[in-house]
Amino acid sequence: MSKAQRTKQFIIEKTAPIFNMKGYSGTSMSDITEATGLTKGSIYGNFANKDEVALAAFRFNVKKLHDIFAREIEKEKTFKGKLLVYPRLYSDYYDLRVTQGGCPIINTATEADDTHPVLKKKVERVILSWKEQLVYFIEQGILLGEFKAQSIDPEKTALTIIAMIEGAVMIAKITGNLSTLADIMLSVTKIIEDLE
């Protein structure tokens, strides 16, 4: 990795938690320079603008989250087991300490939907990719006979799981009641168990 690449990565790693906690509009250049100890010139020498930093920070936060889940999913031998990784890990989401400030998907989606079309598009891609993965797990589970429930709609089931997870993370964060997260993840687990 070249010095320029290392500097760019350093900026991303230092600013990712700030963007996740404060959002795009709440994160100032002063926040970025303070977090990195670099001048505005150094920041702009590596990124064209604040948008580029924000997009890189979002990708970084999502990748951290994705990598944790991917490692656990890879360990599972059944498609049901792969699906159950989500409620299992999300029930203790804040203990995972994946990212400061909560889930980067819901945080960025909430802010970017009306204010930042490029970030909104990135969040949309992440959610659609997640949905596609869940649909694949459900369809493969049906094909292999793991899931036998009548009238399973893989797409609706996947979207329901995502909505419940992201809603639970938001409710737990807003109320400060982390047991809510575990309670809602029990409902997600039941949805997955009921596919059999």
C-alpha atoms as a PDB file:
ATOM      1  CA  MET A   1       0.000   0.000   0.000  1.00  0.00           C
ATOM      2  CA  SER A   2       1.441   3.373  -1.013  1.00  0.00           C
ATOM      3  CA  LYS A   3       1.715   6.312   1.380  1.00  0.00           C
ATOM      4  CA  ALA A   4      -1.229   8.013  -0.366  1.00  0.00           C
ATOM      5  CA  GLN A   5      -3.342   4.854  -0.008  1.00  0.00           C
ATOM      6  CA  ARG A   6      -2.386   4.552   3.672  1.00  0.00           C
ATOM      7  CA  THR A   7      -3.316   8.188   4.282  1.00  0.00           C
ATOM      8  CA  LYS A   8      -6.636   7.737   2.517  1.00  0.00           C
ATOM      9  CA  GLN A   9      -7.373   4.592   4.555  1.00  0.00           C
ATOM     10  CA  PHE A  10      -6.387   6.423   7.759  1.00  0.00           C
ATOM     11  CA  ILE A  11      -8.835   9.234   6.958  1.00  0.00           C
ATOM     12  CA  ILE A  12     -11.613   6.731   6.257  1.00  0.00           C
ATOM     13  CA  GLU A  13     -11.008   4.761   9.461  1.00  0.00           C
ATOM     14  CA  LYS A  14     -10.874   7.890  11.612  1.00  0.00           C
ATOM     15  CA  THR A  15     -13.944   9.540  10.093  1.00  0.00           C
ATOM     16  CA  ALA A  16     -16.197   6.483   9.648  1.00  0.00           C
ATOM     17  CA  PRO A  17     -17.404   6.508  13.281  1.00  0.00           C
ATOM     18  CA  ILE A  18     -18.075  10.253  13.117  1.00  0.00           C
ATOM     19  CA  PHE A  19     -20.158  10.016   9.949  1.00  0.00           C
ATOM     20  CA  ASN A  20     -22.048   7.078  11.468  1.00  0.00           C
ATOM     21  CA  MET A  21     -22.818   9.002  14.659  1.00  0.00           C
ATOM     22  CA  LYS A  22     -23.360  12.525  13.326  1.00  0.00           C
ATOM     23  CA  GLY A  23     -24.502  11.817   9.797  1.00  0.00           C
ATOM     24  CA  TYR A  24     -23.395  13.531   6.630  1.00  0.00           C
ATOM     25  CA  SER A  25     -24.840  16.961   7.365  1.00  0.00           C
ATOM     26  CA  GLY A  26     -23.801  16.843  11.028  1.00  0.00           C
ATOM     27  CA  THR A  27     -20.165  16.054  10.259  1.00  0.00           C
ATOM     28  CA  SER A  28     -18.121  19.171   9.611  1.00  0.00           C
ATOM     29  CA  MET A  29     -14.699  19.573   8.066  1.00  0.00           C
ATOM     30  CA  SER A  30     -13.544  20.566  11.566  1.00  0.00           C
ATOM     31  CA  ASP A  31     -14.733  17.161  12.819  1.00  0.00           C
ATOM     32  CA  ILE A  32     -12.769  15.477  10.041  1.00  0.00           C
ATOM     33  CA  THR A  33      -9.562  17.450  10.627  1.00  0.00           C
ATOM     34  CA  GLU A  34      -9.855  17.006  14.402  1.00  0.00           C
ATOM     35  CA  ALA A  35     -10.366  13.229  14.117  1.00  0.00           C
ATOM     36  CA  THR A  36      -7.467  12.769  11.721  1.00  0.00           C
ATOM     37  CA  GLY A  37      -5.087  15.452  12.945  1.00  0.00           C
ATOM     38  CA  LEU A  38      -4.676  16.429   9.289  1.00  0.00           C
ATOM     39  CA  THR A  39      -5.234  19.758   7.592  1.00  0.00           C
ATOM     40  CA  LYS A  40      -8.066  20.462   5.155  1.00  0.00           C
ATOM     41  CA  GLY A  41      -5.430  20.464   2.424  1.00  0.00           C
ATOM     42  CA  SER A  42      -4.381  16.934   3.358  1.00  0.00           C
ATOM     43  CA  ILE A  43      -7.997  15.781   3.368  1.00  0.00           C
ATOM     44  CA  TYR A  44      -8.716  17.400   0.005  1.00  0.00           C
ATOM     45  CA  GLY A  45      -5.434  16.063  -1.342  1.00  0.00           C
ATOM     46  CA  ASN A  46      -6.885  12.581  -0.877  1.00  0.00           C
ATOM     47  CA  PHE A  47     -10.594  13.190  -1.484  1.00  0.00           C
ATOM     48  CA  ALA A  48     -12.249  15.571  -3.936  1.00  0.00           C
ATOM     49  CA  ASN A  49     -14.819  16.699  -1.366  1.00  0.00           C
ATOM     50  CA  LYS A  50     -16.733  15.800   1.784  1.00  0.00           C
ATOM     51  CA  ASP A  51     -19.085  13.612  -0.280  1.00  0.00           C
ATOM     52  CA  GLU A  52     -16.200  11.334  -1.236  1.00  0.00           C
ATOM     53  CA  VAL A  53     -15.145  11.004   2.403  1.00  0.00           C
ATOM     54  CA  ALA A  54     -18.737  10.258   3.465  1.00  0.00           C
ATOM     55  CA  LEU A  55     -19.198   7.608   0.769  1.00  0.00           C
ATOM     56  CA  ALA A  56     -15.897   5.949   1.671  1.00  0.00           C
ATOM     57  CA  ALA A  57     -16.819   6.042   5.371  1.00  0.00           C
ATOM     58  CA  PHE A  58     -20.197   4.436   4.655  1.00  0.00           C
ATOM     59  CA  ARG A  59     -18.563   1.681   2.571  1.00  0.00           C
ATOM     60  CA  PHE A  60     -16.036   1.099   5.363  1.00  0.00           C
ATOM     61  CA  ASN A  61     -18.738   0.832   8.050  1.00  0.00           C
ATOM     62  CA  VAL A  62     -20.884  -1.498   5.948  1.00  0.00           C
ATOM     63  CA  LYS A  63     -17.886  -3.687   5.096  1.00  0.00           C
ATOM     64  CA  LYS A  64     -17.050  -4.082   8.798  1.00  0.00           C
ATOM     65  CA  LEU A  65     -20.627  -5.155   9.448  1.00  0.00           C
ATOM     66  CA  HIS A  66     -20.712  -7.433   6.400  1.00  0.00           C
ATOM     67  CA  ASP A  67     -17.428  -9.137   7.289  1.00  0.00           C
ATOM     68  CA  ILE A  68     -18.637 -10.121  10.766  1.00  0.00           C
ATOM     69  CA  PHE A  69     -21.830 -11.623   9.393  1.00  0.00           C
ATOM     70  CA  ALA A  70     -20.070 -13.300   6.450  1.00  0.00           C
ATOM     71  CA  ARG A  71     -17.639 -15.084   8.791  1.00  0.00           C
ATOM     72  CA  GLU A  72     -20.504 -16.454  10.889  1.00  0.00           C
ATOM     73  CA  ILE A  73     -22.634 -17.392   7.873  1.00  0.00           C
ATOM     74  CA  GLU A  74     -19.722 -19.292   6.347  1.00  0.00           C
ATOM     75  CA  LYS A  75     -19.541 -21.507   9.457  1.00  0.00           C
ATOM     76  CA  GLU A  76     -23.147 -22.647   9.042  1.00  0.00           C
ATOM     77  CA  LYS A  77     -23.884 -25.821   7.097  1.00  0.00           C
ATOM     78  CA  THR A  78     -27.625 -25.317   6.532  1.00  0.00           C
ATOM     79  CA  PHE A  79     -29.544 -22.451   4.975  1.00  0.00           C
ATOM     80  CA  LYS A  80     -31.673 -22.223   8.095  1.00  0.00           C
ATOM     81  CA  GLY A  81     -28.466 -21.865  10.112  1.00  0.00           C
ATOM     82  CA  LYS A  82     -27.253 -19.141   7.757  1.00  0.00           C
ATOM     83  CA  LEU A  83     -30.517 -17.218   8.199  1.00  0.00           C
ATOM     84  CA  LEU A  84     -30.406 -17.620  11.978  1.00  0.00           C
ATOM     85  CA  VAL A  85     -27.026 -15.849  12.087  1.00  0.00           C
ATOM     86  CA  TYR A  86     -28.873 -12.551  11.640  1.00  0.00           C
ATOM     87  CA  PRO A  87     -31.145 -12.643  14.697  1.00  0.00           C
ATOM     88  CA  ARG A  88     -28.389 -14.264  16.759  1.00  0.00           C
ATOM     89  CA  LEU A  89     -25.837 -11.536  16.068  1.00  0.00           C
ATOM     90  CA  TYR A  90     -28.311  -8.665  15.986  1.00  0.00           C
ATOM     91  CA  SER A  91     -29.760  -9.662  19.380  1.00  0.00           C
ATOM     92  CA  ASP A  92     -26.398  -8.548  20.817  1.00  0.00           C
ATOM     93  CA  TYR A  93     -25.654  -5.970  18.107  1.00  0.00           C
ATOM     94  CA  TYR A  94     -24.415  -3.261  20.435  1.00  0.00           C
ATOM     95  CA  ASP A  95     -22.107  -5.746  22.170  1.00  0.00           C
ATOM     96  CA  LEU A  96     -20.491  -6.550  18.810  1.00  0.00           C
ATOM     97  CA  ARG A  97     -19.121  -3.001  18.671  1.00  0.00           C
ATOM     98  CA  VAL A  98     -19.033  -3.200  14.904  1.00  0.00           C
ATOM     99  CA  THR A  99     -19.439   0.517  14.447  1.00  0.00           C
ATOM    100  CA  GLN A 100     -19.822   3.413  16.831  1.00  0.00           C
ATOM    101  CA  GLY A 101     -23.236   5.016  16.727  1.00  0.00           C
ATOM    102  CA  GLY A 102     -25.330   2.035  15.693  1.00  0.00           C
ATOM    103  CA  CYS A 103     -26.143   0.392  12.398  1.00  0.00           C
ATOM    104  CA  PRO A 104     -24.710   2.314   9.428  1.00  0.00           C
ATOM    105  CA  ILE A 105     -27.536   1.100   7.189  1.00  0.00           C
ATOM    106  CA  ILE A 106     -30.411   2.569   9.214  1.00  0.00           C
ATOM    107  CA  ASN A 107     -28.397   5.633  10.253  1.00  0.00           C
ATOM    108  CA  THR A 108     -27.473   6.560   6.701  1.00  0.00           C
ATOM    109  CA  ALA A 109     -30.861   5.596   5.246  1.00  0.00           C
ATOM    110  CA  THR A 110     -32.682   7.821   7.711  1.00  0.00           C
ATOM    111  CA  GLU A 111     -30.597  10.853   6.855  1.00  0.00           C
ATOM    112  CA  ALA A 112     -29.909  10.331   3.155  1.00  0.00           C
ATOM    113  CA  ASP A 113     -33.403   9.480   1.943  1.00  0.00           C
ATOM    114  CA  ASP A 114     -34.343  13.157   1.521  1.00  0.00           C
ATOM    115  CA  THR A 115     -31.003  14.931   1.584  1.00  0.00           C
ATOM    116  CA  HIS A 116     -28.274  13.023  -0.212  1.00  0.00           C
ATOM    117  CA  PRO A 117     -29.236  11.098  -3.381  1.00  0.00           C
ATOM    118  CA  VAL A 118     -25.819   9.486  -3.887  1.00  0.00           C
ATOM    119  CA  LEU A 119     -25.666   8.132  -0.324  1.00  0.00           C
ATOM    120  CA  LYS A 120     -29.314   7.072  -0.607  1.00  0.00           C
ATOM    121  CA  LYS A 121     -28.408   5.029  -3.695  1.00  0.00           C
ATOM    122  CA  LYS A 122     -25.520   3.355  -1.821  1.00  0.00           C
ATOM    123  CA  VAL A 123     -27.838   2.422   1.065  1.00  0.00           C
ATOM    124  CA  GLU A 124     -30.411   1.119  -1.390  1.00  0.00           C
ATOM    125  CA  ARG A 125     -27.771  -1.120  -3.002  1.00  0.00           C
ATOM    126  CA  VAL A 126     -26.748  -2.500   0.398  1.00  0.00           C
ATOM    127  CA  ILE A 127     -30.349  -3.280   1.338  1.00  0.00           C
ATOM    128  CA  LEU A 128     -31.095  -4.877  -2.043  1.00  0.00           C
ATOM    129  CA  SER A 129     -27.935  -6.974  -1.827  1.00  0.00           C
ATOM    130  CA  TRP A 130     -28.908  -8.098   1.685  1.00  0.00           C
ATOM    131  CA  LYS A 131     -32.409  -8.946   0.456  1.00  0.00           C
ATOM    132  CA  GLU A 132     -30.983 -10.942  -2.465  1.00  0.00           C
ATOM    133  CA  GLN A 133     -28.793 -12.929  -0.089  1.00  0.00           C
ATOM    134  CA  LEU A 134     -31.728 -13.757   2.193  1.00  0.00           C
ATOM    135  CA  VAL A 135     -33.917 -14.684  -0.795  1.00  0.00           C
ATOM    136  CA  TYR A 136     -31.144 -16.990  -2.034  1.00  0.00           C
ATOM    137  CA  PHE A 137     -30.872 -18.694   1.372  1.00  0.00           C
ATOM    138  CA  ILE A 138     -34.647 -19.188   1.527  1.00  0.00           C
ATOM    139  CA  GLU A 139     -34.900 -20.468  -2.059  1.00  0.00           C
ATOM    140  CA  GLN A 140     -32.002 -22.874  -1.532  1.00  0.00           C
ATOM    141  CA  GLY A 141     -33.563 -24.039   1.728  1.00  0.00           C
ATOM    142  CA  ILE A 142     -36.791 -24.798  -0.149  1.00  0.00           C
ATOM    143  CA  LEU A 143     -34.921 -26.615  -2.952  1.00  0.00           C
ATOM    144  CA  LEU A 144     -33.031 -28.781  -0.467  1.00  0.00           C
ATOM    145  CA  GLY A 145     -36.129 -29.525   1.591  1.00  0.00           C
ATOM    146  CA  GLU A 146     -35.014 -27.613   4.692  1.00  0.00           C
ATOM    147  CA  PHE A 147     -38.039 -25.335   4.419  1.00  0.00           C
ATOM    148  CA  LYS A 148     -41.367 -27.014   3.822  1.00  0.00           C
ATOM    149  CA  ALA A 149     -43.879 -24.394   4.900  1.00  0.00           C
ATOM    150  CA  GLN A 150     -46.656 -23.885   2.374  1.00  0.00           C
ATOM    151  CA  SER A 151     -46.793 -20.661   0.404  1.00  0.00           C
ATOM    152  CA  ILE A 152     -43.358 -19.338   1.365  1.00  0.00           C
ATOM    153  CA  ASP A 153     -42.712 -16.070  -0.444  1.00  0.00           C
ATOM    154  CA  PRO A 154     -38.916 -15.681  -0.276  1.00  0.00           C
ATOM    155  CA  GLU A 155     -38.907 -11.996  -1.208  1.00  0.00           C
ATOM    156  CA  LYS A 156     -41.603 -10.981   1.303  1.00  0.00           C
ATOM    157  CA  THR A 157     -39.951 -13.066   4.001  1.00  0.00           C
ATOM    158  CA  ALA A 158     -36.548 -11.497   3.300  1.00  0.00           C
ATOM    159  CA  LEU A 159     -37.963  -7.967   3.381  1.00  0.00           C
ATOM    160  CA  THR A 160     -39.840  -8.711   6.612  1.00  0.00           C
ATOM    161  CA  ILE A 161     -36.639  -9.966   8.244  1.00  0.00           C
ATOM    162  CA  ILE A 162     -34.701  -6.869   7.149  1.00  0.00           C
ATOM    163  CA  ALA A 163     -37.465  -4.493   8.254  1.00  0.00           C
ATOM    164  CA  MET A 164     -37.727  -6.155  11.661  1.00  0.00           C
ATOM    165  CA  ILE A 165     -33.965  -6.116  12.193  1.00  0.00           C
ATOM    166  CA  GLU A 166     -33.458  -2.505  11.152  1.00  0.00           C
ATOM    167  CA  GLY A 167     -36.569  -1.395  13.043  1.00  0.00           C
ATOM    168  CA  ALA A 168     -35.373  -3.205  16.156  1.00  0.00           C
ATOM    169  CA  VAL A 169     -31.946  -1.559  15.978  1.00  0.00           C
ATOM    170  CA  MET A 170     -33.591   1.852  15.625  1.00  0.00           C
ATOM    171  CA  ILE A 171     -36.048   1.274  18.493  1.00  0.00           C
ATOM    172  CA  ALA A 172     -33.301  -0.005  20.809  1.00  0.00           C
ATOM    173  CA  LYS A 173     -31.102   2.972  19.973  1.00  0.00           C
ATOM    174  CA  ILE A 174     -33.850   5.573  20.410  1.00  0.00           C
ATOM    175  CA  THR A 175     -35.244   4.121  23.644  1.00  0.00           C
ATOM    176  CA  GLY A 176     -31.923   3.003  25.082  1.00  0.00           C
ATOM    177  CA  ASN A 177     -33.626  -0.300  25.889  1.00  0.00           C
ATOM    178  CA  LEU A 178     -31.351  -2.977  24.446  1.00  0.00           C
ATOM    179  CA  SER A 179     -33.624  -5.791  25.641  1.00  0.00           C
ATOM    180  CA  THR A 180     -36.065  -4.637  22.943  1.00  0.00           C
ATOM    181  CA  LEU A 181     -33.504  -5.722  20.377  1.00  0.00           C
ATOM    182  CA  ALA A 182     -33.264  -9.223  21.837  1.00  0.00           C
ATOM    183  CA  ASP A 183     -37.067  -9.479  22.104  1.00  0.00           C
ATOM    184  CA  ILE A 184     -37.616  -8.538  18.464  1.00  0.00           C
ATOM    185  CA  MET A 185     -34.842 -10.902  17.350  1.00  0.00           C
ATOM    186  CA  LEU A 186     -36.820 -13.723  19.004  1.00  0.00           C
ATOM    187  CA  SER A 187     -39.663 -12.843  16.626  1.00  0.00           C
ATOM    188  CA  VAL A 188     -37.260 -12.899  13.667  1.00  0.00           C
ATOM    189  CA  THR A 189     -36.020 -16.298  14.832  1.00  0.00           C
ATOM    190  CA  LYS A 190     -39.622 -17.536  14.959  1.00  0.00           C
ATOM    191  CA  ILE A 191     -40.234 -16.378  11.382  1.00  0.00           C
ATOM    192  CA  ILE A 192     -37.200 -18.403  10.272  1.00  0.00           C
ATOM    193  CA  GLU A 193     -38.155 -21.432  12.390  1.00  0.00           C
ATOM    194  CA  ASP A 194     -41.680 -21.329  10.923  1.00  0.00           C
ATOM    195  CA  LEU A 195     -40.277 -21.814   7.407  1.00  0.00           C
ATOM    196  CA  GLU A 196     -39.818 -25.508   8.269  1.00  0.00           C
END
